Each structure stands twice: as C-alpha cells, then as structure tokens.
C-alpha cells in the first residue's frame, strides 16, 4: 500500500505481486476486510492508511 500511495507501483502490479489471479479476486478480499471497494478506499482520505504510512 505504501508503494501504491507513493505512486511507485500501479495497483494492477501490486495485485500481481501478491499472487492474486486477477483484479476481481483482490477486490473481493479487499471488500471483505475493508468493507469498501479499493476504488472507494483509495479515493477517500483514510486516517488508518495515512497513520500507517507516516510511521
């Protein structure tokens, strides 16, 4: 997530890096844990992500 947020890696490359078969499987797991789509999550200003990235 750090690499994606800092624009070092594309989300598709990140998905492949973690051995997801395709984007839909990643999205399904992401929604399960985050209760929102990746698009919505990354579009919003997320306190949890910002707090983690600033450590």
PDB file of N, CA and C in Angstrom:
ATOM      1  N   UNK A   1       0.829  -1.183   0.000  1.00  0.00           N
ATOM      2  CA  UNK A   1       0.000   0.000   0.000  1.00  0.00           C
ATOM      3  C   UNK A   1       0.875   1.247   0.000  1.00  0.00           C
ATOM      4  N   UNK A   2       1.985   1.176   0.680  1.00  0.00           N
ATOM      5  CA  UNK A   2       2.886   2.334   0.672  1.00  0.00           C
ATOM      6  C   UNK A   2       3.348   2.660  -0.737  1.00  0.00           C
ATOM      7  N   UNK A   3       3.736   1.638  -1.469  1.00  0.00           N
ATOM      8  CA  UNK A   3       4.214   1.855  -2.830  1.00  0.00           C
ATOM      9  C   UNK A   3       3.105   2.401  -3.725  1.00  0.00           C
ATOM     10  N   UNK A   4       1.917   1.915  -3.534  1.00  0.00           N
ATOM     11  CA  UNK A   4       0.804   2.416  -4.344  1.00  0.00           C
ATOM     12  C   UNK A   4       0.491   3.870  -3.977  1.00  0.00           C
ATOM     13  N   UNK A   5       0.459   4.176  -2.714  1.00  0.00           N
ATOM     14  CA  UNK A   5       0.167   5.539  -2.267  1.00  0.00           C
ATOM     15  C   UNK A   5       1.244   6.531  -2.715  1.00  0.00           C
ATOM     16  N   UNK A   6       2.465   6.091  -2.765  1.00  0.00           N
ATOM     17  CA  UNK A   6       3.549   6.984  -3.184  1.00  0.00           C
ATOM     18  C   UNK A   6       3.786   6.914  -4.703  1.00  0.00           C
ATOM     19  N   UNK A   7       2.890   6.243  -5.396  1.00  0.00           N
ATOM     20  CA  UNK A   7       2.900   6.143  -6.863  1.00  0.00           C
ATOM     21  C   UNK A   7       4.131   5.430  -7.406  1.00  0.00           C
ATOM     22  N   UNK A   8       4.683   4.529  -6.618  1.00  0.00           N
ATOM     23  CA  UNK A   8       5.831   3.738  -7.066  1.00  0.00           C
ATOM     24  C   UNK A   8       5.391   2.502  -7.834  1.00  0.00           C
ATOM     25  N   UNK A   9       4.142   2.081  -7.594  1.00  0.00           N
ATOM     26  CA  UNK A   9       3.651   0.864  -8.237  1.00  0.00           C
ATOM     27  C   UNK A   9       2.175   1.040  -8.578  1.00  0.00           C
ATOM     28  N   UNK A  10       1.802   0.506  -9.699  1.00  0.00           N
ATOM     29  CA  UNK A  10       0.414   0.515 -10.138  1.00  0.00           C
ATOM     30  C   UNK A  10      -0.363  -0.536  -9.346  1.00  0.00           C
ATOM     31  N   UNK A  11      -1.634  -0.286  -9.126  1.00  0.00           N
ATOM     32  CA  UNK A  11      -2.444  -1.231  -8.356  1.00  0.00           C
ATOM     33  C   UNK A  11      -2.464  -2.600  -9.026  1.00  0.00           C
ATOM     34  N   UNK A  12      -2.523  -2.659 -10.330  1.00  0.00           N
ATOM     35  CA  UNK A  12      -2.509  -3.957 -11.027  1.00  0.00           C
ATOM     36  C   UNK A  12      -1.222  -4.715 -10.756  1.00  0.00           C
ATOM     37  N   UNK A  13      -0.101  -4.020 -10.734  1.00  0.00           N
ATOM     38  CA  UNK A  13       1.176  -4.670 -10.430  1.00  0.00           C
ATOM     39  C   UNK A  13       1.225  -5.145  -8.983  1.00  0.00           C
ATOM     40  N   UNK A  14       0.638  -4.378  -8.108  1.00  0.00           N
ATOM     41  CA  UNK A  14       0.565  -4.760  -6.705  1.00  0.00           C
ATOM     42  C   UNK A  14      -0.267  -6.034  -6.539  1.00  0.00           C
ATOM     43  N   UNK A  15      -1.360  -6.093  -7.256  1.00  0.00           N
ATOM     44  CA  UNK A  15      -2.233  -7.276  -7.215  1.00  0.00           C
ATOM     45  C   UNK A  15      -1.465  -8.511  -7.684  1.00  0.00           C
ATOM     46  N   UNK A  16      -0.740  -8.370  -8.755  1.00  0.00           N
ATOM     47  CA  UNK A  16       0.051  -9.497  -9.263  1.00  0.00           C
ATOM     48  C   UNK A  16       1.191  -9.868  -8.326  1.00  0.00           C
ATOM     49  N   UNK A  17       1.776  -8.873  -7.703  1.00  0.00           N
ATOM     50  CA  UNK A  17       2.884  -9.110  -6.786  1.00  0.00           C
ATOM     51  C   UNK A  17       2.465 -10.018  -5.624  1.00  0.00           C
ATOM     52  N   UNK A  18       1.205  -9.906  -5.214  1.00  0.00           N
ATOM     53  CA  UNK A  18       0.712 -10.740  -4.118  1.00  0.00           C
ATOM     54  C   UNK A  18      -0.047 -11.961  -4.602  1.00  0.00           C
ATOM     55  N   UNK A  19       0.243 -12.332  -5.846  1.00  0.00           N
ATOM     56  CA  UNK A  19      -0.234 -13.591  -6.438  1.00  0.00           C
ATOM     57  C   UNK A  19      -1.745 -13.733  -6.538  1.00  0.00           C
ATOM     58  N   UNK A  20      -2.425 -12.634  -6.712  1.00  0.00           N
ATOM     59  CA  UNK A  20      -3.855 -12.729  -6.999  1.00  0.00           C
ATOM     60  C   UNK A  20      -4.016 -13.106  -8.459  1.00  0.00           C
ATOM     61  N   UNK A  21      -4.969 -13.963  -8.703  1.00  0.00           N
ATOM     62  CA  UNK A  21      -5.217 -14.436 -10.064  1.00  0.00           C
ATOM     63  C   UNK A  21      -5.667 -13.291 -10.969  1.00  0.00           C
ATOM     64  N   UNK A  22      -6.524 -12.457 -10.442  1.00  0.00           N
ATOM     65  CA  UNK A  22      -6.988 -11.298 -11.200  1.00  0.00           C
ATOM     66  C   UNK A  22      -7.515 -10.238 -10.249  1.00  0.00           C
ATOM     67  N   UNK A  23      -7.894  -9.119 -10.806  1.00  0.00           N
ATOM     68  CA  UNK A  23      -8.338  -7.975 -10.017  1.00  0.00           C
ATOM     69  C   UNK A  23      -9.622  -8.277  -9.229  1.00  0.00           C
ATOM     70  N   UNK A  24     -10.504  -9.066  -9.793  1.00  0.00           N
ATOM     71  CA  UNK A  24     -11.772  -9.355  -9.116  1.00  0.00           C
ATOM     72  C   UNK A  24     -11.553 -10.125  -7.809  1.00  0.00           C
ATOM     73  N   UNK A  25     -10.585 -11.022  -7.784  1.00  0.00           N
ATOM     74  CA  UNK A  25     -10.299 -11.758  -6.541  1.00  0.00           C
ATOM     75  C   UNK A  25      -9.718 -10.829  -5.480  1.00  0.00           C
ATOM     76  N   UNK A  26      -8.841  -9.962  -5.913  1.00  0.00           N
ATOM     77  CA  UNK A  26      -8.292  -8.977  -4.990  1.00  0.00           C
ATOM     78  C   UNK A  26      -9.395  -8.087  -4.427  1.00  0.00           C
ATOM     79  N   UNK A  27     -10.267  -7.606  -5.301  1.00  0.00           N
ATOM     80  CA  UNK A  27     -11.359  -6.726  -4.888  1.00  0.00           C
ATOM     81  C   UNK A  27     -12.281  -7.427  -3.897  1.00  0.00           C
ATOM     82  N   UNK A  28     -12.565  -8.672  -4.147  1.00  0.00           N
ATOM     83  CA  UNK A  28     -13.417  -9.446  -3.234  1.00  0.00           C
ATOM     84  C   UNK A  28     -12.790  -9.531  -1.842  1.00  0.00           C
ATOM     85  N   UNK A  29     -11.515  -9.866  -1.770  1.00  0.00           N
ATOM     86  CA  UNK A  29     -10.828  -9.943  -0.476  1.00  0.00           C
ATOM     87  C   UNK A  29     -10.720  -8.567   0.178  1.00  0.00           C
ATOM     88  N   UNK A  30     -10.445  -7.570  -0.614  1.00  0.00           N
ATOM     89  CA  UNK A  30     -10.326  -6.214  -0.093  1.00  0.00           C
ATOM     90  C   UNK A  30     -11.643  -5.779   0.545  1.00  0.00           C
ATOM     91  N   UNK A  31     -12.745  -6.029  -0.141  1.00  0.00           N
ATOM     92  CA  UNK A  31     -14.068  -5.670   0.393  1.00  0.00           C
ATOM     93  C   UNK A  31     -14.375  -6.434   1.676  1.00  0.00           C
ATOM     94  N   UNK A  32     -13.948  -7.674   1.729  1.00  0.00           N
ATOM     95  CA  UNK A  32     -14.175  -8.488   2.919  1.00  0.00           C
ATOM     96  C   UNK A  32     -13.501  -7.871   4.142  1.00  0.00           C
ATOM     97  N   UNK A  33     -12.272  -7.415   3.992  1.00  0.00           N
ATOM     98  CA  UNK A  33     -11.521  -6.862   5.114  1.00  0.00           C
ATOM     99  C   UNK A  33     -11.795  -5.381   5.372  1.00  0.00           C
ATOM    100  N   UNK A  34     -11.982  -4.613   4.316  1.00  0.00           N
ATOM    101  CA  UNK A  34     -12.103  -3.159   4.465  1.00  0.00           C
ATOM    102  C   UNK A  34     -13.541  -2.648   4.369  1.00  0.00           C
ATOM    103  N   UNK A  35     -14.445  -3.507   3.966  1.00  0.00           N
ATOM    104  CA  UNK A  35     -15.865  -3.163   3.843  1.00  0.00           C
ATOM    105  C   UNK A  35     -16.141  -2.036   2.856  1.00  0.00           C
ATOM    106  N   UNK A  36     -15.282  -1.914   1.887  1.00  0.00           N
ATOM    107  CA  UNK A  36     -15.475  -0.987   0.777  1.00  0.00           C
ATOM    108  C   UNK A  36     -14.540  -1.391  -0.354  1.00  0.00           C
ATOM    109  N   UNK A  37     -14.842  -0.923  -1.532  1.00  0.00           N
ATOM    110  CA  UNK A  37     -14.023  -1.282  -2.685  1.00  0.00           C
ATOM    111  C   UNK A  37     -12.672  -0.573  -2.619  1.00  0.00           C
ATOM    112  N   UNK A  38     -11.673  -1.108  -3.300  1.00  0.00           N
ATOM    113  CA  UNK A  38     -10.382  -0.424  -3.338  1.00  0.00           C
ATOM    114  C   UNK A  38     -10.502   0.987  -3.920  1.00  0.00           C
ATOM    115  N   UNK A  39     -11.331   1.123  -4.940  1.00  0.00           N
ATOM    116  CA  UNK A  39     -11.518   2.441  -5.562  1.00  0.00           C
ATOM    117  C   UNK A  39     -12.023   3.456  -4.542  1.00  0.00           C
ATOM    118  N   UNK A  40     -13.019   3.084  -3.781  1.00  0.00           N
ATOM    119  CA  UNK A  40     -13.575   3.970  -2.755  1.00  0.00           C
ATOM    120  C   UNK A  40     -12.550   4.229  -1.666  1.00  0.00           C
ATOM    121  N   UNK A  41     -11.866   3.189  -1.257  1.00  0.00           N
ATOM    122  CA  UNK A  41     -10.873   3.313  -0.188  1.00  0.00           C
ATOM    123  C   UNK A  41      -9.758   4.285  -0.563  1.00  0.00           C
ATOM    124  N   UNK A  42      -9.178   4.101  -1.731  1.00  0.00           N
ATOM    125  CA  UNK A  42      -8.055   4.936  -2.140  1.00  0.00           C
ATOM    126  C   UNK A  42      -8.490   6.339  -2.553  1.00  0.00           C
ATOM    127  N   UNK A  43      -9.751   6.484  -2.893  1.00  0.00           N
ATOM    128  CA  UNK A  43     -10.276   7.795  -3.273  1.00  0.00           C
ATOM    129  C   UNK A  43     -10.465   8.682  -2.047  1.00  0.00           C
ATOM    130  N   UNK A  44     -10.841   8.093  -0.955  1.00  0.00           N
ATOM    131  CA  UNK A  44     -11.086   8.828   0.292  1.00  0.00           C
ATOM    132  C   UNK A  44      -9.778   9.092   1.030  1.00  0.00           C
ATOM    133  N   UNK A  45      -9.826  10.058   1.894  1.00  0.00           N
ATOM    134  CA  UNK A  45      -8.688  10.331   2.758  1.00  0.00           C
ATOM    135  C   UNK A  45      -8.826   9.412   3.975  1.00  0.00           C
ATOM    136  N   UNK A  46      -8.070   8.337   3.996  1.00  0.00           N
ATOM    137  CA  UNK A  46      -8.211   7.321   5.032  1.00  0.00           C
ATOM    138  C   UNK A  46      -7.236   7.542   6.169  1.00  0.00           C
ATOM    139  N   UNK A  47      -7.777   7.751   7.336  1.00  0.00           N
ATOM    140  CA  UNK A  47      -6.945   8.011   8.505  1.00  0.00           C
ATOM    141  C   UNK A  47      -6.055   6.834   8.843  1.00  0.00           C
ATOM    142  N   UNK A  48      -6.593   5.632   8.746  1.00  0.00           N
ATOM    143  CA  UNK A  48      -5.808   4.442   9.078  1.00  0.00           C
ATOM    144  C   UNK A  48      -4.609   4.321   8.146  1.00  0.00           C
ATOM    145  N   UNK A  49      -4.832   4.460   6.873  1.00  0.00           N
ATOM    146  CA  UNK A  49      -3.743   4.360   5.910  1.00  0.00           C
ATOM    147  C   UNK A  49      -2.738   5.475   6.124  1.00  0.00           C
ATOM    148  N   UNK A  50      -3.196   6.682   6.284  1.00  0.00           N
ATOM    149  CA  UNK A  50      -2.289   7.815   6.485  1.00  0.00           C
ATOM    150  C   UNK A  50      -1.469   7.663   7.765  1.00  0.00           C
ATOM    151  N   UNK A  51      -2.096   7.180   8.794  1.00  0.00           N
ATOM    152  CA  UNK A  51      -1.370   6.977  10.060  1.00  0.00           C
ATOM    153  C   UNK A  51      -0.277   5.919   9.881  1.00  0.00           C
ATOM    154  N   UNK A  52      -0.612   4.849   9.200  1.00  0.00           N
ATOM    155  CA  UNK A  52       0.347   3.771   8.972  1.00  0.00           C
ATOM    156  C   UNK A  52       1.499   4.242   8.085  1.00  0.00           C
ATOM    157  N   UNK A  53       1.187   4.970   7.034  1.00  0.00           N
ATOM    158  CA  UNK A  53       2.215   5.409   6.089  1.00  0.00           C
ATOM    159  C   UNK A  53       3.140   6.459   6.681  1.00  0.00           C
ATOM    160  N   UNK A  54       2.701   7.178   7.674  1.00  0.00           N
ATOM    161  CA  UNK A  54       3.509   8.226   8.270  1.00  0.00           C
ATOM    162  C   UNK A  54       4.432   7.730   9.380  1.00  0.00           C
ATOM    163  N   UNK A  55       4.403   6.446   9.661  1.00  0.00           N
ATOM    164  CA  UNK A  55       5.279   5.882  10.707  1.00  0.00           C
ATOM    165  C   UNK A  55       6.685   5.784  10.213  1.00  0.00           C
TER     166      UNK A  55
END
